[in-house]
Amino acid sequence: MIRLHIIAEGQTEEEFVNTILTEHLGYFNISTDVHRITTKRTRTAVHRGGLVSYQKAKKDIILWLKQDKHPEARFTTMCDLYALPNLLNELFKLFLVMRVQKCLLHL
């Protein structure tokens, strides 16, 4: 069974995955797991939601890539288009990093 890990920008994207995508993809034998981007960590709390920078998303994705190296694991992001012009270059870099790291994991 394929495991699709989704890093969502915020609560809306996370809810969409949980209420719509999970059931739909289940029909195709794909399980989903979603969490919002970690934006801040303190000793007492973890704050999630909002794509404030490329580095925040990259850190979450790399951490998840390290946690699940199974060949059936897949990773993706779900972000809205609100700040797309400012983030497009950073997101493109993020996708390249994900592709390279996925390839390296299979060497």
C-alpha atoms as a PDB file:
ATOM      1  CA  MET A   1       0.000   0.000   0.000  1.00  0.00           C
ATOM      2  CA  ILE A   2       1.302   3.446  -0.922  1.00  0.00           C
ATOM      3  CA  ARG A   3       1.610   5.921   1.951  1.00  0.00           C
ATOM      4  CA  LEU A   4       1.126   9.506   0.810  1.00  0.00           C
ATOM      5  CA  HIS A   5       2.532  12.031   3.277  1.00  0.00           C
ATOM      6  CA  ILE A   6       1.146  15.526   2.744  1.00  0.00           C
ATOM      7  CA  ILE A   7       2.549  18.677   4.294  1.00  0.00           C
ATOM      8  CA  ALA A   8      -0.261  21.231   4.241  1.00  0.00           C
ATOM      9  CA  GLU A   9       0.144  24.957   4.523  1.00  0.00           C
ATOM     10  CA  GLY A  10      -2.714  25.539   6.914  1.00  0.00           C
ATOM     11  CA  GLN A  11      -5.855  24.281   8.573  1.00  0.00           C
ATOM     12  CA  THR A  12      -7.992  24.531   5.424  1.00  0.00           C
ATOM     13  CA  GLU A  13      -5.660  22.332   3.382  1.00  0.00           C
ATOM     14  CA  GLU A  14      -5.319  19.878   6.258  1.00  0.00           C
ATOM     15  CA  GLU A  15      -9.102  19.650   6.599  1.00  0.00           C
ATOM     16  CA  PHE A  16      -9.489  19.099   2.830  1.00  0.00           C
ATOM     17  CA  VAL A  17      -7.100  16.155   2.981  1.00  0.00           C
ATOM     18  CA  ASN A  18      -8.821  14.664   6.042  1.00  0.00           C
ATOM     19  CA  THR A  19     -12.399  15.091   4.816  1.00  0.00           C
ATOM     20  CA  ILE A  20     -12.093  14.485   1.062  1.00  0.00           C
ATOM     21  CA  LEU A  21      -8.748  13.138  -0.158  1.00  0.00           C
ATOM     22  CA  THR A  22      -8.285  10.431   2.478  1.00  0.00           C
ATOM     23  CA  GLU A  23     -11.529   8.659   1.597  1.00  0.00           C
ATOM     24  CA  HIS A  24     -11.071   9.095  -2.161  1.00  0.00           C
ATOM     25  CA  LEU A  25      -7.479   7.857  -2.237  1.00  0.00           C
ATOM     26  CA  GLY A  26      -8.418   4.957   0.034  1.00  0.00           C
ATOM     27  CA  TYR A  27     -10.366   3.467  -2.889  1.00  0.00           C
ATOM     28  CA  PHE A  28      -7.045   3.259  -4.747  1.00  0.00           C
ATOM     29  CA  ASN A  29      -5.252   1.586  -1.830  1.00  0.00           C
ATOM     30  CA  ILE A  30      -3.406   4.792  -0.906  1.00  0.00           C
ATOM     31  CA  SER A  31      -3.246   5.836   2.735  1.00  0.00           C
ATOM     32  CA  THR A  32      -2.734   9.496   3.595  1.00  0.00           C
ATOM     33  CA  ASP A  33      -1.071  11.290   6.451  1.00  0.00           C
ATOM     34  CA  VAL A  34      -1.189  15.071   6.730  1.00  0.00           C
ATOM     35  CA  HIS A  35       0.202  17.742   8.983  1.00  0.00           C
ATOM     36  CA  ARG A  36       0.583  21.495   8.814  1.00  0.00           C
ATOM     37  CA  ILE A  37       3.970  23.131   8.332  1.00  0.00           C
ATOM     38  CA  THR A  38       5.752  23.713  11.617  1.00  0.00           C
ATOM     39  CA  THR A  39       6.342  27.448  11.936  1.00  0.00           C
ATOM     40  CA  LYS A  40       7.720  27.671  15.463  1.00  0.00           C
ATOM     41  CA  ARG A  41       8.850  25.364  18.251  1.00  0.00           C
ATOM     42  CA  THR A  42       9.166  26.325  21.888  1.00  0.00           C
ATOM     43  CA  ARG A  43       9.850  24.191  24.917  1.00  0.00           C
ATOM     44  CA  THR A  44       6.137  23.997  25.631  1.00  0.00           C
ATOM     45  CA  ALA A  45       4.418  24.133  22.222  1.00  0.00           C
ATOM     46  CA  VAL A  46       4.638  23.497  18.505  1.00  0.00           C
ATOM     47  CA  HIS A  47       2.991  26.112  16.293  1.00  0.00           C
ATOM     48  CA  ARG A  48       1.740  24.985  12.882  1.00  0.00           C
ATOM     49  CA  GLY A  49       0.197  26.591   9.831  1.00  0.00           C
ATOM     50  CA  GLY A  50       1.104  29.203   7.273  1.00  0.00           C
ATOM     51  CA  LEU A  51       3.923  28.945   4.791  1.00  0.00           C
ATOM     52  CA  VAL A  52       6.079  31.744   6.131  1.00  0.00           C
ATOM     53  CA  SER A  53       9.255  30.714   4.342  1.00  0.00           C
ATOM     54  CA  TYR A  54      10.817  28.109   2.144  1.00  0.00           C
ATOM     55  CA  GLN A  55      13.168  27.112   4.972  1.00  0.00           C
ATOM     56  CA  LYS A  56      10.265  26.173   7.298  1.00  0.00           C
ATOM     57  CA  ALA A  57       8.686  23.895   4.700  1.00  0.00           C
ATOM     58  CA  LYS A  58      12.039  22.424   3.694  1.00  0.00           C
ATOM     59  CA  LYS A  59      12.866  21.556   7.299  1.00  0.00           C
ATOM     60  CA  ASP A  60       9.534  19.739   7.759  1.00  0.00           C
ATOM     61  CA  ILE A  61       9.884  17.810   4.510  1.00  0.00           C
ATOM     62  CA  ILE A  62      13.458  16.737   5.175  1.00  0.00           C
ATOM     63  CA  LEU A  63      12.499  15.574   8.671  1.00  0.00           C
ATOM     64  CA  TRP A  64       9.631  13.514   7.275  1.00  0.00           C
ATOM     65  CA  LEU A  65      11.810  12.075   4.502  1.00  0.00           C
ATOM     66  CA  LYS A  66      14.225  10.843   7.148  1.00  0.00           C
ATOM     67  CA  GLN A  67      11.421   9.303   9.219  1.00  0.00           C
ATOM     68  CA  ASP A  68       9.868   7.231   6.433  1.00  0.00           C
ATOM     69  CA  LYS A  69      12.347   5.694   4.004  1.00  0.00           C
ATOM     70  CA  HIS A  70      10.005   2.898   2.956  1.00  0.00           C
ATOM     71  CA  PRO A  71       9.834   2.409  -0.836  1.00  0.00           C
ATOM     72  CA  GLU A  72       6.042   2.765  -0.710  1.00  0.00           C
ATOM     73  CA  ALA A  73       6.266   6.245   0.869  1.00  0.00           C
ATOM     74  CA  ARG A  74       5.433   9.299  -1.223  1.00  0.00           C
ATOM     75  CA  PHE A  75       5.625  12.961  -0.229  1.00  0.00           C
ATOM     76  CA  THR A  76       3.878  16.093  -1.454  1.00  0.00           C
ATOM     77  CA  THR A  77       2.817  19.559  -0.337  1.00  0.00           C
ATOM     78  CA  MET A  78      -0.507  21.374  -0.478  1.00  0.00           C
ATOM     79  CA  CYS A  79      -0.397  25.176  -0.410  1.00  0.00           C
ATOM     80  CA  ASP A  80      -2.899  27.824  -1.450  1.00  0.00           C
ATOM     81  CA  LEU A  81      -2.110  30.490  -4.045  1.00  0.00           C
ATOM     82  CA  TYR A  82      -2.324  33.548  -1.763  1.00  0.00           C
ATOM     83  CA  ALA A  83       1.385  34.422  -1.746  1.00  0.00           C
ATOM     84  CA  LEU A  84       2.333  32.452  -4.836  1.00  0.00           C
ATOM     85  CA  PRO A  85       4.234  35.212  -6.667  1.00  0.00           C
ATOM     86  CA  ASN A  86       6.555  35.640  -3.672  1.00  0.00           C
ATOM     87  CA  LEU A  87       6.898  31.930  -2.940  1.00  0.00           C
ATOM     88  CA  LEU A  88       7.072  30.451  -6.431  1.00  0.00           C
ATOM     89  CA  ASN A  89      10.844  30.507  -6.623  1.00  0.00           C
ATOM     90  CA  GLU A  90      11.193  29.022  -3.136  1.00  0.00           C
ATOM     91  CA  LEU A  91       8.615  26.304  -3.824  1.00  0.00           C
ATOM     92  CA  PHE A  92      10.380  25.356  -7.040  1.00  0.00           C
ATOM     93  CA  LYS A  93      13.586  24.891  -5.022  1.00  0.00           C
ATOM     94  CA  LEU A  94      11.657  22.820  -2.492  1.00  0.00           C
ATOM     95  CA  PHE A  95      10.340  20.440  -5.152  1.00  0.00           C
ATOM     96  CA  LEU A  96      13.846  20.033  -6.572  1.00  0.00           C
ATOM     97  CA  VAL A  97      15.201  19.198  -3.121  1.00  0.00           C
ATOM     98  CA  MET A  98      12.439  16.638  -2.628  1.00  0.00           C
ATOM     99  CA  ARG A  99      13.197  14.963  -5.973  1.00  0.00           C
ATOM    100  CA  VAL A 100      16.934  14.824  -5.322  1.00  0.00           C
ATOM    101  CA  GLN A 101      16.509  13.464  -1.813  1.00  0.00           C
ATOM    102  CA  LYS A 102      13.994  10.854  -2.971  1.00  0.00           C
ATOM    103  CA  CYS A 103      16.497   9.711  -5.619  1.00  0.00           C
ATOM    104  CA  LEU A 104      19.306   9.581  -3.068  1.00  0.00           C
ATOM    105  CA  LEU A 105      17.199   7.462  -0.738  1.00  0.00           C
ATOM    106  CA  HIS A 106      16.901   4.814  -3.445  1.00  0.00           C
ATOM    107  CA  LEU A 107      20.632   4.543  -4.177  1.00  0.00           C
END
